[in-house]
Amino acid sequence: MNVLSFAMANGSISGRELKNVMKSFPDLGAQFSELSGHSRAELIRMANQGKITGETLVDWFNRSGAAMQDKLG
């Protein structure tokens, strides 16, 4: 989860970082994909283009609800 904290502080997440997060937390990757309406591959491509900002991540977390937050501890 340090990667996500860094991404939020940095303003965006790289494709490599997002791929690692989705690999470590597959449920989170699935939730991000569902919330964004994009496949995981598209999300990684978008991250590489700098299109996934810290603000976007916060929005996805807020929209994912308590169930996802419970899974992340």
PDB file of N, CA and C in Angstrom:
ATOM      1  N   MET A   1       0.813  -1.187   0.000  1.00  0.00           N
ATOM      2  CA  MET A   1       0.000   0.000   0.000  1.00  0.00           C
ATOM      3  C   MET A   1       0.861   1.256   0.000  1.00  0.00           C
ATOM      4  N   ASN A   2       2.147   1.107   0.279  1.00  0.00           N
ATOM      5  CA  ASN A   2       3.041   2.259   0.230  1.00  0.00           C
ATOM      6  C   ASN A   2       3.074   2.863  -1.165  1.00  0.00           C
ATOM      7  N   VAL A   3       2.943   2.028  -2.180  1.00  0.00           N
ATOM      8  CA  VAL A   3       2.945   2.506  -3.566  1.00  0.00           C
ATOM      9  C   VAL A   3       1.782   3.459  -3.782  1.00  0.00           C
ATOM     10  N   LEU A   4       0.610   3.109  -3.271  1.00  0.00           N
ATOM     11  CA  LEU A   4      -0.561   3.973  -3.438  1.00  0.00           C
ATOM     12  C   LEU A   4      -0.395   5.273  -2.675  1.00  0.00           C
ATOM     13  N   SER A   5       0.173   5.204  -1.484  1.00  0.00           N
ATOM     14  CA  SER A   5       0.424   6.430  -0.715  1.00  0.00           C
ATOM     15  C   SER A   5       1.381   7.339  -1.465  1.00  0.00           C
ATOM     16  N   PHE A   6       2.433   6.746  -2.026  1.00  0.00           N
ATOM     17  CA  PHE A   6       3.397   7.525  -2.802  1.00  0.00           C
ATOM     18  C   PHE A   6       2.738   8.134  -4.029  1.00  0.00           C
ATOM     19  N   ALA A   7       1.910   7.343  -4.704  1.00  0.00           N
ATOM     20  CA  ALA A   7       1.236   7.831  -5.912  1.00  0.00           C
ATOM     21  C   ALA A   7       0.323   9.008  -5.586  1.00  0.00           C
ATOM     22  N   MET A   8      -0.389   8.919  -4.472  1.00  0.00           N
ATOM     23  CA  MET A   8      -1.282  10.019  -4.099  1.00  0.00           C
ATOM     24  C   MET A   8      -0.486  11.269  -3.768  1.00  0.00           C
ATOM     25  N   ALA A   9       0.631  11.092  -3.092  1.00  0.00           N
ATOM     26  CA  ALA A   9       1.476  12.239  -2.755  1.00  0.00           C
ATOM     27  C   ALA A   9       2.164  12.797  -3.994  1.00  0.00           C
ATOM     28  N   ASN A  10       2.543  11.916  -4.920  1.00  0.00           N
ATOM     29  CA  ASN A  10       3.252  12.304  -6.135  1.00  0.00           C
ATOM     30  C   ASN A  10       2.326  12.931  -7.180  1.00  0.00           C
ATOM     31  N   GLY A  11       1.043  12.604  -7.094  1.00  0.00           N
ATOM     32  CA  GLY A  11       0.093  13.166  -8.045  1.00  0.00           C
ATOM     33  C   GLY A  11      -0.355  12.208  -9.126  1.00  0.00           C
ATOM     34  N   SER A  12       0.375  11.102  -9.313  1.00  0.00           N
ATOM     35  CA  SER A  12      -0.033  10.096 -10.301  1.00  0.00           C
ATOM     36  C   SER A  12       0.672   8.783  -9.984  1.00  0.00           C
ATOM     37  N   ILE A  13       0.204   7.730 -10.638  1.00  0.00           N
ATOM     38  CA  ILE A  13       0.806   6.413 -10.454  1.00  0.00           C
ATOM     39  C   ILE A  13       1.308   5.931 -11.815  1.00  0.00           C
ATOM     40  N   SER A  14       2.463   5.299 -11.814  1.00  0.00           N
ATOM     41  CA  SER A  14       3.006   4.782 -13.075  1.00  0.00           C
ATOM     42  C   SER A  14       2.345   3.452 -13.410  1.00  0.00           C
ATOM     43  N   GLY A  15       2.460   3.053 -14.645  1.00  0.00           N
ATOM     44  CA  GLY A  15       1.915   1.776 -15.076  1.00  0.00           C
ATOM     45  C   GLY A  15       2.531   0.616 -14.319  1.00  0.00           C
ATOM     46  N   ARG A  16       3.832   0.690 -14.106  1.00  0.00           N
ATOM     47  CA  ARG A  16       4.531  -0.372 -13.369  1.00  0.00           C
ATOM     48  C   ARG A  16       4.029  -0.466 -11.934  1.00  0.00           C
ATOM     49  N   GLU A  17       3.860   0.692 -11.294  1.00  0.00           N
ATOM     50  CA  GLU A  17       3.355   0.708  -9.923  1.00  0.00           C
ATOM     51  C   GLU A  17       1.931   0.153  -9.859  1.00  0.00           C
ATOM     52  N   LEU A  18       1.096   0.571 -10.793  1.00  0.00           N
ATOM     53  CA  LEU A  18      -0.288   0.102 -10.806  1.00  0.00           C
ATOM     54  C   LEU A  18      -0.341  -1.396 -11.058  1.00  0.00           C
ATOM     55  N   LYS A  19       0.486  -1.872 -11.968  1.00  0.00           N
ATOM     56  CA  LYS A  19       0.527  -3.308 -12.263  1.00  0.00           C
ATOM     57  C   LYS A  19       0.922  -4.090 -11.011  1.00  0.00           C
ATOM     58  N   ASN A  20       1.902  -3.587 -10.263  1.00  0.00           N
ATOM     59  CA  ASN A  20       2.331  -4.248  -9.036  1.00  0.00           C
ATOM     60  C   ASN A  20       1.223  -4.248  -7.986  1.00  0.00           C
ATOM     61  N   VAL A  21       0.505  -3.144  -7.869  1.00  0.00           N
ATOM     62  CA  VAL A  21      -0.602  -3.055  -6.915  1.00  0.00           C
ATOM     63  C   VAL A  21      -1.685  -4.062  -7.290  1.00  0.00           C
ATOM     64  N   MET A  22      -2.031  -4.105  -8.568  1.00  0.00           N
ATOM     65  CA  MET A  22      -3.092  -5.011  -9.011  1.00  0.00           C
ATOM     66  C   MET A  22      -2.669  -6.478  -8.888  1.00  0.00           C
ATOM     67  N   LYS A  23      -1.385  -6.745  -9.004  1.00  0.00           N
ATOM     68  CA  LYS A  23      -0.891  -8.106  -8.820  1.00  0.00           C
ATOM     69  C   LYS A  23      -0.930  -8.498  -7.342  1.00  0.00           C
ATOM     70  N   SER A  24      -0.560  -7.578  -6.480  1.00  0.00           N
ATOM     71  CA  SER A  24      -0.551  -7.841  -5.043  1.00  0.00           C
ATOM     72  C   SER A  24      -1.951  -7.891  -4.446  1.00  0.00           C
ATOM     73  N   PHE A  25      -2.852  -7.089  -5.018  1.00  0.00           N
ATOM     74  CA  PHE A  25      -4.225  -6.989  -4.515  1.00  0.00           C
ATOM     75  C   PHE A  25      -5.206  -7.153  -5.679  1.00  0.00           C
ATOM     76  N   PRO A  26      -5.415  -8.393  -6.128  1.00  0.00           N
ATOM     77  CA  PRO A  26      -6.255  -8.616  -7.306  1.00  0.00           C
ATOM     78  C   PRO A  26      -7.680  -8.075  -7.152  1.00  0.00           C
ATOM     79  N   ASP A  27      -8.232  -8.146  -5.935  1.00  0.00           N
ATOM     80  CA  ASP A  27      -9.588  -7.613  -5.723  1.00  0.00           C
ATOM     81  C   ASP A  27      -9.627  -6.109  -5.946  1.00  0.00           C
ATOM     82  N   LEU A  28      -8.570  -5.443  -5.543  1.00  0.00           N
ATOM     83  CA  LEU A  28      -8.485  -3.997  -5.733  1.00  0.00           C
ATOM     84  C   LEU A  28      -8.388  -3.670  -7.219  1.00  0.00           C
ATOM     85  N   GLY A  29      -7.590  -4.447  -7.947  1.00  0.00           N
ATOM     86  CA  GLY A  29      -7.486  -4.250  -9.393  1.00  0.00           C
ATOM     87  C   GLY A  29      -8.820  -4.433 -10.083  1.00  0.00           C
ATOM     88  N   ALA A  30      -9.553  -5.450  -9.658  1.00  0.00           N
ATOM     89  CA  ALA A  30     -10.878  -5.696 -10.240  1.00  0.00           C
ATOM     90  C   ALA A  30     -11.825  -4.543  -9.926  1.00  0.00           C
ATOM     91  N   GLN A  31     -11.745  -4.025  -8.710  1.00  0.00           N
ATOM     92  CA  GLN A  31     -12.598  -2.906  -8.314  1.00  0.00           C
ATOM     93  C   GLN A  31     -12.251  -1.657  -9.122  1.00  0.00           C
ATOM     94  N   PHE A  32     -10.970  -1.373  -9.282  1.00  0.00           N
ATOM     95  CA  PHE A  32     -10.549  -0.210 -10.083  1.00  0.00           C
ATOM     96  C   PHE A  32     -11.048  -0.344 -11.515  1.00  0.00           C
ATOM     97  N   SER A  33     -10.926  -1.543 -12.057  1.00  0.00           N
ATOM     98  CA  SER A  33     -11.370  -1.790 -13.425  1.00  0.00           C
ATOM     99  C   SER A  33     -12.870  -1.550 -13.553  1.00  0.00           C
ATOM    100  N   GLU A  34     -13.631  -2.070 -12.609  1.00  0.00           N
ATOM    101  CA  GLU A  34     -15.081  -1.897 -12.638  1.00  0.00           C
ATOM    102  C   GLU A  34     -15.475  -0.425 -12.491  1.00  0.00           C
ATOM    103  N   LEU A  35     -14.863   0.256 -11.545  1.00  0.00           N
ATOM    104  CA  LEU A  35     -15.205   1.656 -11.297  1.00  0.00           C
ATOM    105  C   LEU A  35     -14.847   2.568 -12.468  1.00  0.00           C
ATOM    106  N   SER A  36     -13.744   2.248 -13.131  1.00  0.00           N
ATOM    107  CA  SER A  36     -13.281   3.107 -14.225  1.00  0.00           C
ATOM    108  C   SER A  36     -13.939   2.771 -15.560  1.00  0.00           C
ATOM    109  N   GLY A  37     -14.450   1.535 -15.675  1.00  0.00           N
ATOM    110  CA  GLY A  37     -15.013   1.098 -16.950  1.00  0.00           C
ATOM    111  C   GLY A  37     -13.948   0.725 -17.961  1.00  0.00           C
ATOM    112  N   HIS A  38     -12.732   0.451 -17.484  1.00  0.00           N
ATOM    113  CA  HIS A  38     -11.608   0.086 -18.357  1.00  0.00           C
ATOM    114  C   HIS A  38     -11.034  -1.250 -17.911  1.00  0.00           C
ATOM    115  N   SER A  39     -10.455  -1.978 -18.844  1.00  0.00           N
ATOM    116  CA  SER A  39      -9.791  -3.232 -18.505  1.00  0.00           C
ATOM    117  C   SER A  39      -8.513  -2.931 -17.730  1.00  0.00           C
ATOM    118  N   ARG A  40      -7.969  -3.960 -17.120  1.00  0.00           N
ATOM    119  CA  ARG A  40      -6.706  -3.776 -16.388  1.00  0.00           C
ATOM    120  C   ARG A  40      -5.592  -3.300 -17.322  1.00  0.00           C
ATOM    121  N   ALA A  41      -5.540  -3.874 -18.507  1.00  0.00           N
ATOM    122  CA  ALA A  41      -4.513  -3.465 -19.482  1.00  0.00           C
ATOM    123  C   ALA A  41      -4.682  -1.994 -19.851  1.00  0.00           C
ATOM    124  N   GLU A  42      -5.929  -1.571 -20.031  1.00  0.00           N
ATOM    125  CA  GLU A  42      -6.184  -0.159 -20.353  1.00  0.00           C
ATOM    126  C   GLU A  42      -5.768   0.744 -19.187  1.00  0.00           C
ATOM    127  N   LEU A  43      -6.024   0.291 -17.961  1.00  0.00           N
ATOM    128  CA  LEU A  43      -5.632   1.088 -16.794  1.00  0.00           C
ATOM    129  C   LEU A  43      -4.117   1.258 -16.732  1.00  0.00           C
ATOM    130  N   ILE A  44      -3.391   0.191 -17.003  1.00  0.00           N
ATOM    131  CA  ILE A  44      -1.922   0.274 -16.992  1.00  0.00           C
ATOM    132  C   ILE A  44      -1.444   1.229 -18.078  1.00  0.00           C
ATOM    133  N   ARG A  45      -2.048   1.146 -19.241  1.00  0.00           N
ATOM    134  CA  ARG A  45      -1.693   2.055 -20.341  1.00  0.00           C
ATOM    135  C   ARG A  45      -1.995   3.508 -19.945  1.00  0.00           C
ATOM    136  N   MET A  46      -3.142   3.714 -19.330  1.00  0.00           N
ATOM    137  CA  MET A  46      -3.515   5.067 -18.888  1.00  0.00           C
ATOM    138  C   MET A  46      -2.533   5.581 -17.831  1.00  0.00           C
ATOM    139  N   ALA A  47      -2.125   4.702 -16.920  1.00  0.00           N
ATOM    140  CA  ALA A  47      -1.168   5.099 -15.885  1.00  0.00           C
ATOM    141  C   ALA A  47       0.164   5.484 -16.523  1.00  0.00           C
ATOM    142  N   ASN A  48       0.598   4.717 -17.516  1.00  0.00           N
ATOM    143  CA  ASN A  48       1.846   5.049 -18.211  1.00  0.00           C
ATOM    144  C   ASN A  48       1.776   6.405 -18.891  1.00  0.00           C
ATOM    145  N   GLN A  49       0.570   6.817 -19.262  1.00  0.00           N
ATOM    146  CA  GLN A  49       0.367   8.117 -19.909  1.00  0.00           C
ATOM    147  C   GLN A  49       0.128   9.232 -18.886  1.00  0.00           C
ATOM    148  N   GLY A  50       0.172   8.888 -17.593  1.00  0.00           N
ATOM    149  CA  GLY A  50      -0.037   9.884 -16.544  1.00  0.00           C
ATOM    150  C   GLY A  50      -1.492  10.282 -16.356  1.00  0.00           C
ATOM    151  N   LYS A  51      -2.411   9.440 -16.818  1.00  0.00           N
ATOM    152  CA  LYS A  51      -3.828   9.776 -16.773  1.00  0.00           C
ATOM    153  C   LYS A  51      -4.529   9.308 -15.500  1.00  0.00           C
ATOM    154  N   ILE A  52      -3.825   8.578 -14.646  1.00  0.00           N
ATOM    155  CA  ILE A  52      -4.418   8.148 -13.379  1.00  0.00           C
ATOM    156  C   ILE A  52      -3.733   8.933 -12.273  1.00  0.00           C
ATOM    157  N   THR A  53      -4.450   9.885 -11.768  1.00  0.00           N
ATOM    158  CA  THR A  53      -3.901  10.794 -10.765  1.00  0.00           C
ATOM    159  C   THR A  53      -4.189  10.302  -9.350  1.00  0.00           C
ATOM    160  N   GLY A  54      -3.526  10.913  -8.396  1.00  0.00           N
ATOM    161  CA  GLY A  54      -3.813  10.634  -6.997  1.00  0.00           C
ATOM    162  C   GLY A  54      -5.268  10.921  -6.677  1.00  0.00           C
ATOM    163  N   GLU A  55      -5.806  11.971  -7.267  1.00  0.00           N
ATOM    164  CA  GLU A  55      -7.216  12.320  -7.070  1.00  0.00           C
ATOM    165  C   GLU A  55      -8.128  11.214  -7.592  1.00  0.00           C
ATOM    166  N   THR A  56      -7.766  10.628  -8.735  1.00  0.00           N
ATOM    167  CA  THR A  56      -8.536   9.522  -9.297  1.00  0.00           C
ATOM    168  C   THR A  56      -8.514   8.338  -8.350  1.00  0.00           C
ATOM    169  N   LEU A  57      -7.342   8.015  -7.796  1.00  0.00           N
ATOM    170  CA  LEU A  57      -7.226   6.904  -6.859  1.00  0.00           C
ATOM    171  C   LEU A  57      -8.096   7.126  -5.628  1.00  0.00           C
ATOM    172  N   VAL A  58      -8.067   8.340  -5.084  1.00  0.00           N
ATOM    173  CA  VAL A  58      -8.891   8.666  -3.923  1.00  0.00           C
ATOM    174  C   VAL A  58     -10.366   8.482  -4.263  1.00  0.00           C
ATOM    175  N   ASP A  59     -10.764   8.940  -5.437  1.00  0.00           N
ATOM    176  CA  ASP A  59     -12.157   8.783  -5.872  1.00  0.00           C
ATOM    177  C   ASP A  59     -12.534   7.308  -5.937  1.00  0.00           C
ATOM    178  N   TRP A  60     -11.677   6.479  -6.526  1.00  0.00           N
ATOM    179  CA  TRP A  60     -11.972   5.054  -6.629  1.00  0.00           C
ATOM    180  C   TRP A  60     -12.088   4.420  -5.248  1.00  0.00           C
ATOM    181  N   PHE A  61     -11.189   4.789  -4.335  1.00  0.00           N
ATOM    182  CA  PHE A  61     -11.278   4.252  -2.980  1.00  0.00           C
ATOM    183  C   PHE A  61     -12.576   4.676  -2.310  1.00  0.00           C
ATOM    184  N   ASN A  62     -12.930   5.933  -2.448  1.00  0.00           N
ATOM    185  CA  ASN A  62     -14.172   6.423  -1.838  1.00  0.00           C
ATOM    186  C   ASN A  62     -15.384   5.700  -2.396  1.00  0.00           C
ATOM    187  N   ARG A  63     -15.385   5.447  -3.683  1.00  0.00           N
ATOM    188  CA  ARG A  63     -16.521   4.789  -4.328  1.00  0.00           C
ATOM    189  C   ARG A  63     -16.551   3.286  -4.073  1.00  0.00           C
ATOM    190  N   SER A  64     -15.422   2.707  -3.720  1.00  0.00           N
ATOM    191  CA  SER A  64     -15.372   1.262  -3.512  1.00  0.00           C
ATOM    192  C   SER A  64     -16.078   0.847  -2.234  1.00  0.00           C
ATOM    193  N   GLY A  65     -16.199   1.741  -1.297  1.00  0.00           N
ATOM    194  CA  GLY A  65     -16.952   1.461  -0.083  1.00  0.00           C
ATOM    195  C   GLY A  65     -16.186   0.698   0.978  1.00  0.00           C
ATOM    196  N   ALA A  66     -16.873   0.453   2.039  1.00  0.00           N
ATOM    197  CA  ALA A  66     -16.284  -0.176   3.227  1.00  0.00           C
ATOM    198  C   ALA A  66     -15.796  -1.598   2.963  1.00  0.00           C
ATOM    199  N   ALA A  67     -16.473  -2.324   2.083  1.00  0.00           N
ATOM    200  CA  ALA A  67     -16.092  -3.718   1.828  1.00  0.00           C
ATOM    201  C   ALA A  67     -14.655  -3.817   1.341  1.00  0.00           C
ATOM    202  N   MET A  68     -14.287  -2.982   0.386  1.00  0.00           N
ATOM    203  CA  MET A  68     -12.920  -3.018  -0.140  1.00  0.00           C
ATOM    204  C   MET A  68     -11.928  -2.538   0.915  1.00  0.00           C
ATOM    205  N   GLN A  69     -12.282  -1.534   1.664  1.00  0.00           N
ATOM    206  CA  GLN A  69     -11.390  -1.017   2.695  1.00  0.00           C
ATOM    207  C   GLN A  69     -11.137  -2.075   3.758  1.00  0.00           C
ATOM    208  N   ASP A  70     -12.137  -2.866   4.086  1.00  0.00           N
ATOM    209  CA  ASP A  70     -11.966  -3.959   5.050  1.00  0.00           C
ATOM    210  C   ASP A  70     -10.980  -4.988   4.526  1.00  0.00           C
ATOM    211  N   LYS A  71     -11.014  -5.282   3.238  1.00  0.00           N
ATOM    212  CA  LYS A  71     -10.096  -6.256   2.651  1.00  0.00           C
ATOM    213  C   LYS A  71      -8.649  -5.780   2.714  1.00  0.00           C
ATOM    214  N   LEU A  72      -8.469  -4.460   2.640  1.00  0.00           N
ATOM    215  CA  LEU A  72      -7.109  -3.905   2.637  1.00  0.00           C
ATOM    216  C   LEU A  72      -6.549  -3.726   4.037  1.00  0.00           C
ATOM    217  N   GLY A  73      -7.387  -3.871   5.022  1.00  0.00           N
ATOM    218  CA  GLY A  73      -6.932  -3.766   6.414  1.00  0.00           C
ATOM    219  C   GLY A  73      -6.822  -2.375   6.807  1.00  0.00           C
TER     220      GLY A  73
END
